[in-house]
């Protein structure tokens, strides 16, 4: 094993391969920063180009694009309030308020370093723990995935600190949106009203672009001011990077959440991003500052989403089961190059695979090398006059929504949800609850239907150890905060 790891390292550190990693990372960051694209699109565009490449070179380029694209979505999330990818949705919640306070450089620095740390941990996990983790993944069937989704949905109950009712309504609205389209089990259309464009559901990124991008732009135009309220940007990117290590416990916990959820097939970086954010926000002593520019709200989602990259590849490589949509495209690229996934992969092509693993590690270092010199230029967008910025952001939103599938319908969806999002913001409805319901709703529904068919009832909730554990945790996360609140009130009344 050790000699194969060393051979993979030697193959990865050649000047040509290192340049490939740097180039792939830069391309990935650009693709991730463009709303509507992301890692899946970036790797898909690579497939025809990689046909004439050596397998190891193609995999190193894939590593750079994959990791870079997952991080890249945070740039627009912070600078203009539009998540470039679904994996950066939660980053917007505190990253954009930091930009409004003139702290965009600090937020970008924290995002870059947290992404690098999370990605590095996932690459190490992929390299050294694939055999062990792959055994754990085998225990996660449809029942466990359903309860995992329900555990994620349970944080809706505590995500809205201002109004529990508004948070609950937002969550139900997201769940309702997730039911539009064909039924994953029966195949029948639901709530499509005969529109073929809705057969596959309402496009998620179009909704996100509308709720976060278009609505923010309308508010910016109404207020007639730049993103940042300060003409001079405060702090530096390195200040943000240092915060990642100062808040090391948050970085570790968020990375652990990403590693676990990444290894669970079908979950991916989107839910990990949201779950890590809400978990850290609701366990933090300064929880009231989240959503108002708390740097911990940037560190948590960014550490978690990049942490899913490596572990999502574990079921992909070990069993041929894609851990995410992007991994499904990686699987296609491997097949194009004649690579058969499964246990024989580490016997037939060990050096090539470990070269790929080293490429993922180097990509995390490349994120810092490539991105830190560019962060000042990204941050300057926040002080551009609104007369210039607003029309350009609207064009950016329209192009991002259209690029999803090439349908004008997606642009219409983004505009409608942008207007709706504007009024929801005015009424102080939490966007995080809507997105949580939307992200996890489909996952919960699909796996519940399959579980009921397989186990002939709800007995699987208590008959399977993992589902029972997750059920107890779900109930606890909903009930305990309110039990604690009542006990505090009783103590105060007793003291009076």
Protein backbone atom coordinates (compact mmCIF):
# COMPACT_ATOMS: atom_id res chain seq x y z
CA UNK A 1 0.00 0.00 0.00
CA UNK A 2 2.69 2.52 1.03
CA UNK A 3 4.76 2.02 -2.14
CA UNK A 4 1.65 2.62 -4.30
CA UNK A 5 0.95 5.89 -2.43
CA UNK A 6 4.55 7.01 -3.01
CA UNK A 7 4.39 6.07 -6.72
CA UNK A 8 1.16 8.06 -7.04
CA UNK A 9 2.86 11.04 -5.38
CA UNK A 10 5.83 10.86 -7.76
CA UNK A 11 3.45 10.79 -10.74
CA UNK A 12 1.43 13.73 -9.39
CA UNK A 13 4.36 16.08 -8.67
CA UNK A 14 5.72 16.23 -12.23
CA UNK A 15 5.77 19.86 -13.49
CA UNK A 16 3.15 19.13 -16.16
CA UNK A 17 0.73 17.51 -13.72
CA UNK A 18 1.14 20.29 -11.16
CA UNK A 19 0.34 22.85 -13.88
CA UNK A 20 -2.70 20.77 -14.85
CA UNK A 21 -3.92 20.89 -11.23
CA UNK A 22 -3.42 24.68 -11.05
CA UNK A 23 -5.15 25.20 -14.39
CA UNK A 24 -8.05 22.91 -13.46
CA UNK A 25 -8.50 24.69 -10.12
CA UNK A 26 -8.64 28.12 -11.79
CA UNK A 27 -11.16 26.89 -14.39
CA UNK A 28 -13.21 25.24 -11.63
CA UNK A 29 -13.31 28.44 -9.56
CA UNK A 30 -14.51 30.44 -12.60
CA UNK A 31 -17.18 27.85 -13.44
CA UNK A 32 -18.36 27.67 -9.81
CA UNK A 33 -18.62 31.46 -9.58
CA UNK A 34 -20.99 31.59 -12.57
CA UNK A 35 -24.55 31.03 -11.26
CA UNK A 36 -26.21 28.02 -12.83
CA UNK A 37 -23.06 26.10 -13.70
CA UNK A 38 -21.04 24.28 -11.02
CA UNK A 39 -18.94 21.14 -10.67
CA UNK A 40 -21.31 18.87 -12.60
CA UNK A 41 -21.35 21.14 -15.65
CA UNK A 42 -17.60 21.75 -15.44
CA UNK A 43 -16.73 18.04 -15.40
CA UNK A 44 -19.30 17.31 -18.13
CA UNK A 45 -17.66 19.92 -20.38
CA UNK A 46 -14.31 18.25 -19.68
CA UNK A 47 -15.37 14.77 -20.88
CA UNK A 48 -15.04 15.35 -24.66
CA UNK A 49 -11.83 17.37 -24.15
CA UNK A 50 -10.26 14.63 -22.01
CA UNK A 51 -10.79 11.91 -24.63
CA UNK A 52 -7.25 12.24 -26.01
CA UNK A 53 -5.58 12.70 -22.60
CA UNK A 54 -3.83 10.11 -20.48
CA UNK A 55 -6.10 8.78 -17.75
CA UNK A 56 -4.04 10.23 -14.89
CA UNK A 57 -3.89 13.68 -16.54
CA UNK A 58 -7.65 13.69 -17.14
CA UNK A 59 -8.27 12.72 -13.50
CA UNK A 60 -5.96 15.47 -12.20
CA UNK A 61 -7.80 18.04 -14.32
CA UNK A 62 -11.07 16.63 -12.98
CA UNK A 63 -9.80 16.99 -9.40
CA UNK A 64 -8.98 20.66 -9.97
CA UNK A 65 -12.31 21.48 -11.62
CA UNK A 66 -14.35 19.56 -9.04
CA UNK A 67 -12.78 21.10 -5.92
CA UNK A 68 -12.44 24.54 -7.51
CA UNK A 69 -16.08 24.67 -8.63
CA UNK A 70 -17.44 23.68 -5.21
CA UNK A 71 -15.44 26.56 -3.69
CA UNK A 72 -16.11 29.02 -6.53
CA UNK A 73 -19.81 29.33 -5.72
CA UNK A 74 -18.91 31.16 -2.51
CA UNK A 75 -17.36 34.10 -4.38
CA UNK A 76 -20.62 35.40 -5.85
CA UNK A 77 -22.48 34.28 -2.71
CA UNK A 78 -20.36 36.67 -0.66
CA UNK A 79 -19.78 39.51 -3.11
CA UNK A 80 -23.25 39.94 -4.65
CA UNK A 81 -25.45 37.60 -2.63
CA UNK A 82 -25.99 35.04 -5.40
CA UNK A 83 -24.74 31.50 -4.67
CA UNK A 84 -22.87 30.30 -7.74
CA UNK A 85 -23.75 26.69 -6.90
CA UNK A 86 -26.26 24.96 -4.57
CA UNK A 87 -23.32 24.03 -2.33
CA UNK A 88 -22.83 27.71 -1.42
CA UNK A 89 -26.41 28.65 -0.59
CA UNK A 90 -25.84 28.86 3.18
CA UNK A 91 -22.66 30.90 2.67
CA UNK A 92 -24.84 33.75 1.40
CA UNK A 93 -26.62 34.07 4.75
CA UNK A 94 -23.60 35.59 6.54
CA UNK A 95 -21.14 36.16 3.69
CA UNK A 96 -23.28 38.77 1.96
CA UNK A 97 -24.03 40.73 5.18
CA UNK A 98 -20.25 40.81 5.79
CA UNK A 99 -19.79 42.28 2.29
CA UNK A 100 -22.45 44.89 3.09
CA UNK A 101 -20.40 45.85 6.16
CA UNK A 102 -17.25 46.32 4.05
CA UNK A 103 -15.76 43.01 5.26
CA UNK A 104 -15.87 41.14 1.95
CA UNK A 105 -12.12 40.49 1.96
CA UNK A 106 -12.35 38.89 5.40
CA UNK A 107 -15.30 36.73 4.30
CA UNK A 108 -13.55 35.66 1.08
CA UNK A 109 -10.38 34.80 2.98
CA UNK A 110 -12.33 32.70 5.49
CA UNK A 111 -14.21 30.97 2.68
CA UNK A 112 -11.02 30.13 0.78
CA UNK A 113 -9.16 28.77 3.79
CA UNK A 114 -12.17 26.84 5.16
CA UNK A 115 -12.72 25.27 1.73
CA UNK A 116 -9.05 24.33 1.54
CA UNK A 117 -9.07 22.75 5.02
CA UNK A 118 -12.32 20.85 4.43
CA UNK A 119 -11.18 19.64 1.02
CA UNK A 120 -7.78 18.58 2.38
CA UNK A 121 -9.43 16.52 5.13
CA UNK A 122 -11.75 14.84 2.61
CA UNK A 123 -8.85 13.99 0.29
CA UNK A 124 -6.93 12.42 3.18
CA UNK A 125 -10.05 10.49 4.17
CA UNK A 126 -10.45 9.27 0.58
CA UNK A 127 -6.81 8.23 0.39
CA UNK A 128 -6.43 6.38 3.68
CA UNK A 129 -9.92 5.36 4.81
CA UNK A 130 -11.71 4.28 1.63
CA UNK A 131 -11.83 0.56 2.63
CA UNK A 132 -13.15 1.38 6.14
CA UNK A 133 -15.67 4.07 5.16
CA UNK A 134 -16.95 2.00 2.23
CA UNK A 135 -18.02 -0.67 4.72
CA UNK A 136 -19.96 1.89 6.77
CA UNK A 137 -21.68 3.20 3.63
CA UNK A 138 -23.09 -0.30 3.02
CA UNK A 139 -25.25 0.09 6.15
CA UNK A 140 -26.94 3.23 4.74
CA UNK A 141 -29.93 2.03 2.77
CA UNK A 142 -33.09 3.90 1.81
CA UNK A 143 -34.44 3.83 5.39
CA UNK A 144 -31.29 5.43 6.79
CA UNK A 145 -31.25 8.04 4.01
CA UNK A 146 -34.87 8.95 4.80
CA UNK A 147 -34.12 9.49 8.49
CA UNK A 148 -30.97 11.41 7.59
CA UNK A 149 -33.11 13.76 5.49
CA UNK A 150 -35.65 14.07 8.33
CA UNK A 151 -32.83 14.87 10.75
CA UNK A 152 -31.78 17.65 8.38
CA UNK A 153 -35.36 18.90 8.10
CA UNK A 154 -35.72 18.97 11.88
CA UNK A 155 -33.42 21.98 12.08
CA UNK A 156 -36.20 24.02 10.44
CA UNK A 157 -37.82 24.04 13.86
CA UNK A 158 -34.90 25.99 15.33
CA UNK A 159 -33.50 27.78 12.28
CA UNK A 160 -35.73 30.82 12.69
CA UNK A 161 -34.89 32.51 15.95
CA UNK A 162 -37.22 35.47 15.36
CA UNK A 163 -40.41 33.56 14.51
CA UNK A 164 -40.95 29.84 14.81
CA UNK A 165 -44.19 30.07 12.80
CA UNK A 166 -42.51 31.88 9.89
CA UNK A 167 -39.71 29.33 9.87
CA UNK A 168 -42.21 26.48 9.83
CA UNK A 169 -44.24 28.08 7.01
CA UNK A 170 -41.05 28.66 5.03
CA UNK A 171 -40.06 25.01 5.50
CA UNK A 172 -43.47 23.75 4.37
CA UNK A 173 -43.30 26.05 1.35
CA UNK A 174 -39.96 24.51 0.40
CA UNK A 175 -41.35 21.00 0.90
CA UNK A 176 -44.34 21.85 -1.31
CA UNK A 177 -42.05 23.12 -4.07
CA UNK A 178 -40.07 19.85 -3.87
CA UNK A 179 -43.21 17.82 -4.73
CA UNK A 180 -43.70 19.49 -8.13
CA UNK A 181 -42.87 17.18 -11.04
CA UNK A 182 -43.06 13.45 -11.59
CA UNK A 183 -43.50 11.12 -8.65
CA UNK A 184 -40.13 9.31 -8.14
CA UNK A 185 -41.91 5.97 -7.54
CA UNK A 186 -45.05 5.94 -9.69
CA UNK A 187 -43.78 8.27 -12.41
CA UNK A 188 -47.03 10.29 -12.49
CA UNK A 189 -46.87 14.07 -12.94
CA UNK A 190 -47.86 16.19 -9.94
CA UNK A 191 -48.77 19.89 -9.86
CA UNK A 192 -47.38 20.45 -13.36
CA UNK A 193 -50.71 21.75 -14.76
CA UNK A 194 -49.80 20.22 -18.10
CA UNK A 195 -46.53 22.16 -18.44
CA UNK A 196 -43.74 19.97 -19.80
CA UNK A 197 -41.18 22.38 -18.31
CA UNK A 198 -42.29 21.31 -14.82
CA UNK A 199 -42.08 17.56 -15.46
CA UNK A 200 -38.66 17.36 -13.78
CA UNK A 201 -39.68 19.76 -11.04
CA UNK A 202 -38.99 23.45 -10.56
CA UNK A 203 -35.26 23.97 -11.29
CA UNK A 204 -33.51 24.38 -7.96
CA UNK A 205 -30.83 26.83 -9.09
CA UNK A 206 -33.44 29.06 -10.78
CA UNK A 207 -35.26 29.28 -7.44
CA UNK A 208 -32.02 30.03 -5.58
CA UNK A 209 -30.98 32.68 -8.11
CA UNK A 210 -34.40 34.27 -7.72
CA UNK A 211 -34.67 34.11 -3.91
CA UNK A 212 -31.13 35.31 -3.28
CA UNK A 213 -29.93 37.11 -6.41
CA UNK A 214 -32.92 38.85 -7.98
CA UNK A 215 -34.54 39.75 -4.64
CA UNK A 216 -31.25 41.21 -3.33
CA UNK A 217 -30.86 43.24 -6.51
CA UNK A 218 -34.39 44.66 -6.22
CA UNK A 219 -33.64 45.66 -2.62
CA UNK A 220 -30.32 47.21 -3.69
CA UNK A 221 -32.04 49.24 -6.41
CA UNK A 222 -34.69 50.37 -3.91
CA UNK A 223 -32.08 51.51 -1.40
CA UNK A 224 -29.96 53.12 -4.20
CA UNK A 225 -26.58 52.20 -2.72
CA UNK A 226 -23.61 49.89 -3.28
CA UNK A 227 -23.34 46.41 -1.77
CA UNK A 228 -20.94 47.68 0.89
CA UNK A 229 -22.04 50.51 3.14
CA UNK A 230 -18.38 51.52 3.47
CA UNK A 231 -16.41 53.21 0.71
CA UNK A 232 -13.19 51.66 2.05
CA UNK A 233 -12.93 47.90 2.56
CA UNK A 234 -11.80 46.87 6.03
CA UNK A 235 -9.73 43.88 7.09
CA UNK A 236 -7.80 41.54 4.84
CA UNK A 237 -8.17 38.08 3.36
CA UNK A 238 -5.55 36.77 5.79
CA UNK A 239 -7.61 38.05 8.74
CA UNK A 240 -10.43 35.82 7.52
CA UNK A 241 -8.06 32.90 6.97
CA UNK A 242 -6.80 33.20 10.54
CA UNK A 243 -10.38 33.06 11.84
CA UNK A 244 -10.69 29.55 10.38
CA UNK A 245 -7.95 28.37 12.73
CA UNK A 246 -9.06 30.52 15.67
CA UNK A 247 -12.48 28.87 15.41
CA UNK A 248 -10.85 25.48 14.94
CA UNK A 249 -13.61 23.58 16.75
CA UNK A 250 -16.24 24.94 14.34
CA UNK A 251 -13.98 24.05 11.40
CA UNK A 252 -13.53 20.51 12.72
CA UNK A 253 -17.25 19.95 13.40
CA UNK A 254 -18.31 21.34 10.02
CA UNK A 255 -15.68 19.27 8.22
CA UNK A 256 -16.88 16.15 10.06
CA UNK A 257 -20.48 16.85 8.97
CA UNK A 258 -19.32 17.22 5.37
CA UNK A 259 -17.21 14.05 5.48
CA UNK A 260 -20.13 12.01 6.81
CA UNK A 261 -22.80 13.41 4.48
CA UNK A 262 -20.47 13.23 1.47
CA UNK A 263 -19.96 9.50 1.99
CA UNK A 264 -23.73 8.94 2.06
CA UNK A 265 -24.87 8.34 -1.55
CA UNK A 266 -27.40 10.85 -2.85
CA UNK A 267 -26.81 13.56 -0.24
CA UNK A 268 -23.89 15.69 -1.47
CA UNK A 269 -22.64 19.21 -0.78
CA UNK A 270 -25.97 21.09 -0.94
CA UNK A 271 -27.55 19.50 2.16
CA UNK A 272 -24.15 19.39 3.90
CA UNK A 273 -23.77 23.14 3.37
CA UNK A 274 -27.18 23.86 4.93
CA UNK A 275 -27.00 21.30 7.75
CA UNK A 276 -23.52 22.40 8.87
CA UNK A 277 -24.62 26.04 8.92
CA UNK A 278 -27.75 25.42 10.97
CA UNK A 279 -25.96 22.99 13.32
CA UNK A 280 -23.21 25.51 14.09
CA UNK A 281 -25.60 28.50 14.24
CA UNK A 282 -27.95 26.83 16.71
CA UNK A 283 -25.22 25.48 18.99
CA UNK A 284 -23.24 28.73 19.09
CA UNK A 285 -23.41 31.05 22.15
CA UNK A 286 -23.68 34.03 19.77
CA UNK A 287 -26.44 32.46 17.67
CA UNK A 288 -28.35 35.76 17.45
CA UNK A 289 -25.56 37.26 15.33
CA UNK A 290 -25.87 34.58 12.62
CA UNK A 291 -27.43 35.97 9.47
CA UNK A 292 -26.05 39.41 10.33
CA UNK A 293 -22.43 38.97 9.30
CA UNK A 294 -20.94 36.36 11.65
CA UNK A 295 -17.77 34.93 10.11
CA UNK A 296 -18.56 31.53 11.66
CA UNK A 297 -21.53 31.43 9.27
CA UNK A 298 -19.02 31.49 6.39
CA UNK A 299 -16.53 29.02 7.86
CA UNK A 300 -19.10 26.30 8.69
CA UNK A 301 -20.79 25.86 5.28
CA UNK A 302 -17.56 26.28 3.30
CA UNK A 303 -15.63 23.72 5.36
CA UNK A 304 -18.51 21.25 5.04
CA UNK A 305 -19.23 21.54 1.30
CA UNK A 306 -15.62 20.95 0.23
CA UNK A 307 -15.34 18.15 2.78
CA UNK A 308 -17.97 16.23 0.78
CA UNK A 309 -15.83 16.17 -2.38
CA UNK A 310 -13.44 13.41 -1.36
CA UNK A 311 -15.84 11.24 0.63
CA UNK A 312 -18.51 11.44 -2.11
CA UNK A 313 -15.97 9.69 -4.33
CA UNK A 314 -15.67 6.76 -1.90
CA UNK A 315 -18.93 4.97 -2.91
CA UNK A 316 -18.29 6.06 -6.50
CA UNK A 317 -14.91 4.36 -6.70
CA UNK A 318 -15.55 1.47 -4.28
CA UNK A 319 -18.98 0.37 -5.58
CA UNK A 320 -19.73 2.40 -8.70
CA UNK A 321 -22.52 4.20 -6.76
CA UNK A 322 -22.24 7.98 -7.31
CA UNK A 323 -22.16 9.92 -4.05
CA UNK A 324 -23.43 13.05 -5.82
CA UNK A 325 -24.47 14.33 -9.25
CA UNK A 326 -20.92 15.50 -9.94
CA UNK A 327 -19.62 12.03 -9.00
CA UNK A 328 -22.01 10.49 -11.54
CA UNK A 329 -20.28 12.56 -14.23
CA UNK A 330 -16.87 11.52 -12.85
CA UNK A 331 -18.05 7.93 -13.16
CA UNK A 332 -18.87 8.57 -16.83
CA UNK A 333 -15.40 10.03 -17.39
CA UNK A 334 -13.79 6.97 -15.78
CA UNK A 335 -15.82 4.66 -18.02
CA UNK A 336 -14.73 6.68 -21.08
CA UNK A 337 -11.12 6.01 -20.14
CA UNK A 338 -11.77 2.31 -19.58
CA UNK A 339 -11.57 2.42 -15.80
CA UNK A 340 -13.84 -0.10 -14.04
CA UNK A 341 -14.87 1.01 -10.55
CA UNK A 342 -15.20 -1.45 -7.71
CA UNK A 343 -12.81 -3.49 -5.54
CA UNK A 344 -10.68 -4.44 -8.58
CA UNK A 345 -9.92 -0.76 -9.23
CA UNK A 346 -7.27 -0.68 -6.51
CA UNK A 347 -5.73 -3.87 -7.92
CA UNK A 348 -5.79 -3.05 -11.65
CA UNK A 349 -4.92 0.69 -11.56
CA UNK A 350 -3.58 1.54 -8.10
CA UNK A 351 -0.99 4.14 -9.16
CA UNK A 352 -3.45 6.02 -11.39
CA UNK A 353 -6.05 6.19 -8.62
CA UNK A 354 -3.57 7.36 -6.00
CA UNK A 355 -2.29 9.98 -8.44
CA UNK A 356 -5.87 11.22 -8.54
CA UNK A 357 -6.04 11.25 -4.73
CA UNK A 358 -2.83 13.31 -4.55
CA UNK A 359 -4.29 15.62 -7.18
CA UNK A 360 -7.25 16.35 -4.86
CA UNK A 361 -4.82 17.15 -2.03
CA UNK A 362 -2.78 19.49 -4.23
CA UNK A 363 -5.97 21.18 -5.45
CA UNK A 364 -6.72 22.28 -1.88
CA UNK A 365 -3.27 23.93 -1.73
CA UNK A 366 -3.83 25.36 -5.21
CA UNK A 367 -7.04 27.04 -3.98
CA UNK A 368 -4.97 29.21 -1.65
CA UNK A 369 -2.20 29.84 -4.22
CA UNK A 370 -4.59 30.70 -7.08
CA UNK A 371 -7.34 32.54 -5.22
CA UNK A 372 -5.71 34.68 -2.55
CA UNK A 373 -4.01 37.05 -5.05
CA UNK A 374 -7.41 37.54 -6.77
CA UNK A 375 -9.56 38.18 -3.70
CA UNK A 376 -8.90 41.94 -3.68
CA UNK A 377 -10.32 42.19 -7.20
CA UNK A 378 -13.40 40.17 -6.21
CA UNK A 379 -13.95 42.34 -3.13
CA UNK A 380 -13.87 45.59 -5.15
CA UNK A 381 -17.17 44.58 -6.75
CA UNK A 382 -18.86 45.49 -3.46
CA UNK A 383 -17.99 49.20 -3.84
CA UNK A 384 -19.10 49.51 -7.47
CA UNK A 385 -21.94 52.10 -7.79
CA UNK A 386 -25.40 50.53 -7.82
CA UNK A 387 -26.23 52.16 -11.17
CA UNK A 388 -23.57 49.95 -12.77
CA UNK A 389 -23.92 46.90 -10.53
CA UNK A 390 -27.72 46.38 -10.55
CA UNK A 391 -28.21 45.96 -14.34
CA UNK A 392 -25.12 43.75 -14.57
CA UNK A 393 -26.30 41.50 -11.72
CA UNK A 394 -29.72 41.16 -13.38
CA UNK A 395 -28.01 40.13 -16.64
CA UNK A 396 -25.84 37.73 -14.61
CA UNK A 397 -28.97 36.22 -13.01
CA UNK A 398 -30.76 35.85 -16.37
CA UNK A 399 -27.74 34.21 -18.01
CA UNK A 400 -27.22 31.94 -14.98
CA UNK A 401 -30.85 30.78 -14.98
CA UNK A 402 -30.89 30.29 -18.77
CA UNK A 403 -27.63 28.30 -18.78
CA UNK A 404 -29.18 25.59 -16.56
CA UNK A 405 -31.14 23.92 -19.35
CA UNK A 406 -31.31 26.51 -22.10
CA UNK A 407 -35.01 27.22 -21.36
CA UNK A 408 -36.54 30.70 -21.09
CA UNK A 409 -38.91 29.11 -18.57
CA UNK A 410 -36.04 28.96 -16.06
CA UNK A 411 -35.49 32.70 -16.46
CA UNK A 412 -39.21 33.24 -15.78
CA UNK A 413 -38.92 31.08 -12.63
CA UNK A 414 -35.93 33.11 -11.38
CA UNK A 415 -37.79 36.41 -11.91
CA UNK A 416 -40.99 35.17 -10.23
CA UNK A 417 -39.11 33.85 -7.21
CA UNK A 418 -37.03 37.03 -7.14
CA UNK A 419 -40.16 39.15 -6.74
CA UNK A 420 -41.59 36.67 -4.24
CA UNK A 421 -38.28 36.60 -2.35
CA UNK A 422 -38.27 40.40 -2.14
CA UNK A 423 -41.64 40.43 -0.36
CA UNK A 424 -40.67 37.47 1.83
CA UNK A 425 -37.57 39.38 2.95
CA UNK A 426 -39.73 42.40 3.73
CA UNK A 427 -41.94 40.15 5.87
CA UNK A 428 -38.79 38.65 7.50
CA UNK A 429 -39.37 35.06 6.39
CA UNK A 430 -36.13 33.06 6.74
CA UNK A 431 -34.77 31.95 3.35
CA UNK A 432 -32.76 29.17 5.01
CA UNK A 433 -35.96 27.31 5.97
CA UNK A 434 -37.34 27.47 2.42
CA UNK A 435 -34.10 26.16 0.97
CA UNK A 436 -33.82 23.40 3.59
CA UNK A 437 -37.31 22.17 2.71
CA UNK A 438 -36.52 22.34 -0.98
CA UNK A 439 -33.13 20.59 -0.74
CA UNK A 440 -34.13 17.77 1.57
CA UNK A 441 -37.79 17.36 0.60
CA UNK A 442 -37.18 15.28 -2.51
CA UNK A 443 -34.59 13.12 -0.73
CA UNK A 444 -36.98 12.44 2.16
CA UNK A 445 -39.99 11.70 -0.05
CA UNK A 446 -38.17 9.34 -2.41
CA UNK A 447 -36.55 7.30 0.34
CA UNK A 448 -39.75 7.17 2.44
CA UNK A 449 -41.67 5.70 -0.52
CA UNK A 450 -38.96 3.12 -1.13
CA UNK A 451 -38.73 2.25 2.57
CA UNK A 452 -42.50 1.71 2.85
CA UNK A 453 -42.41 -0.58 -0.19
CA UNK A 454 -39.46 -2.60 1.10
CA UNK A 455 -40.37 -2.86 4.81
CA UNK A 456 -44.20 -2.87 4.42
CA UNK A 457 -44.78 -0.15 7.00
CA UNK A 458 -43.05 2.22 9.40
CA UNK A 459 -41.46 -0.53 11.49
CA UNK A 460 -38.06 0.28 9.98
CA UNK A 461 -37.95 3.42 12.15
CA UNK A 462 -37.41 1.40 15.33
CA UNK A 463 -36.21 -1.95 13.98
CA UNK A 464 -32.98 -0.64 12.44
CA UNK A 465 -30.31 0.74 14.84
CA UNK A 466 -29.18 3.64 12.64
CA UNK A 467 -32.71 4.84 11.85
CA UNK A 468 -33.69 4.57 15.53
CA UNK A 469 -30.64 6.63 16.55
CA UNK A 470 -31.43 9.28 13.94
CA UNK A 471 -35.10 9.31 15.03
CA UNK A 472 -34.10 9.96 18.65
CA UNK A 473 -31.70 12.72 17.58
CA UNK A 474 -34.40 14.28 15.38
CA UNK A 475 -36.91 14.37 18.24
CA UNK A 476 -34.23 15.73 20.59
CA UNK A 477 -33.18 18.55 18.28
CA UNK A 478 -36.81 19.70 17.99
CA UNK A 479 -37.91 19.27 21.61
CA UNK A 480 -34.85 20.10 23.77
CA UNK A 481 -34.47 23.81 22.88
CA UNK A 482 -38.07 24.47 23.94
CA UNK A 483 -37.77 22.34 27.09
CA UNK A 484 -34.69 24.37 28.06
CA UNK A 485 -36.52 27.61 27.32
CA UNK A 486 -39.45 26.64 29.57
CA UNK A 487 -37.11 25.62 32.41
CA UNK A 488 -35.28 28.97 32.17
CA UNK A 489 -38.60 30.85 32.35
CA UNK A 490 -39.69 28.83 35.39
CA UNK A 491 -36.41 29.64 37.17
CA UNK A 492 -36.81 33.33 36.45
CA UNK A 493 -40.38 33.31 37.74
CA UNK A 494 -39.28 31.41 40.86
CA UNK A 495 -36.58 34.01 41.57
CA UNK A 496 -39.16 36.79 41.32
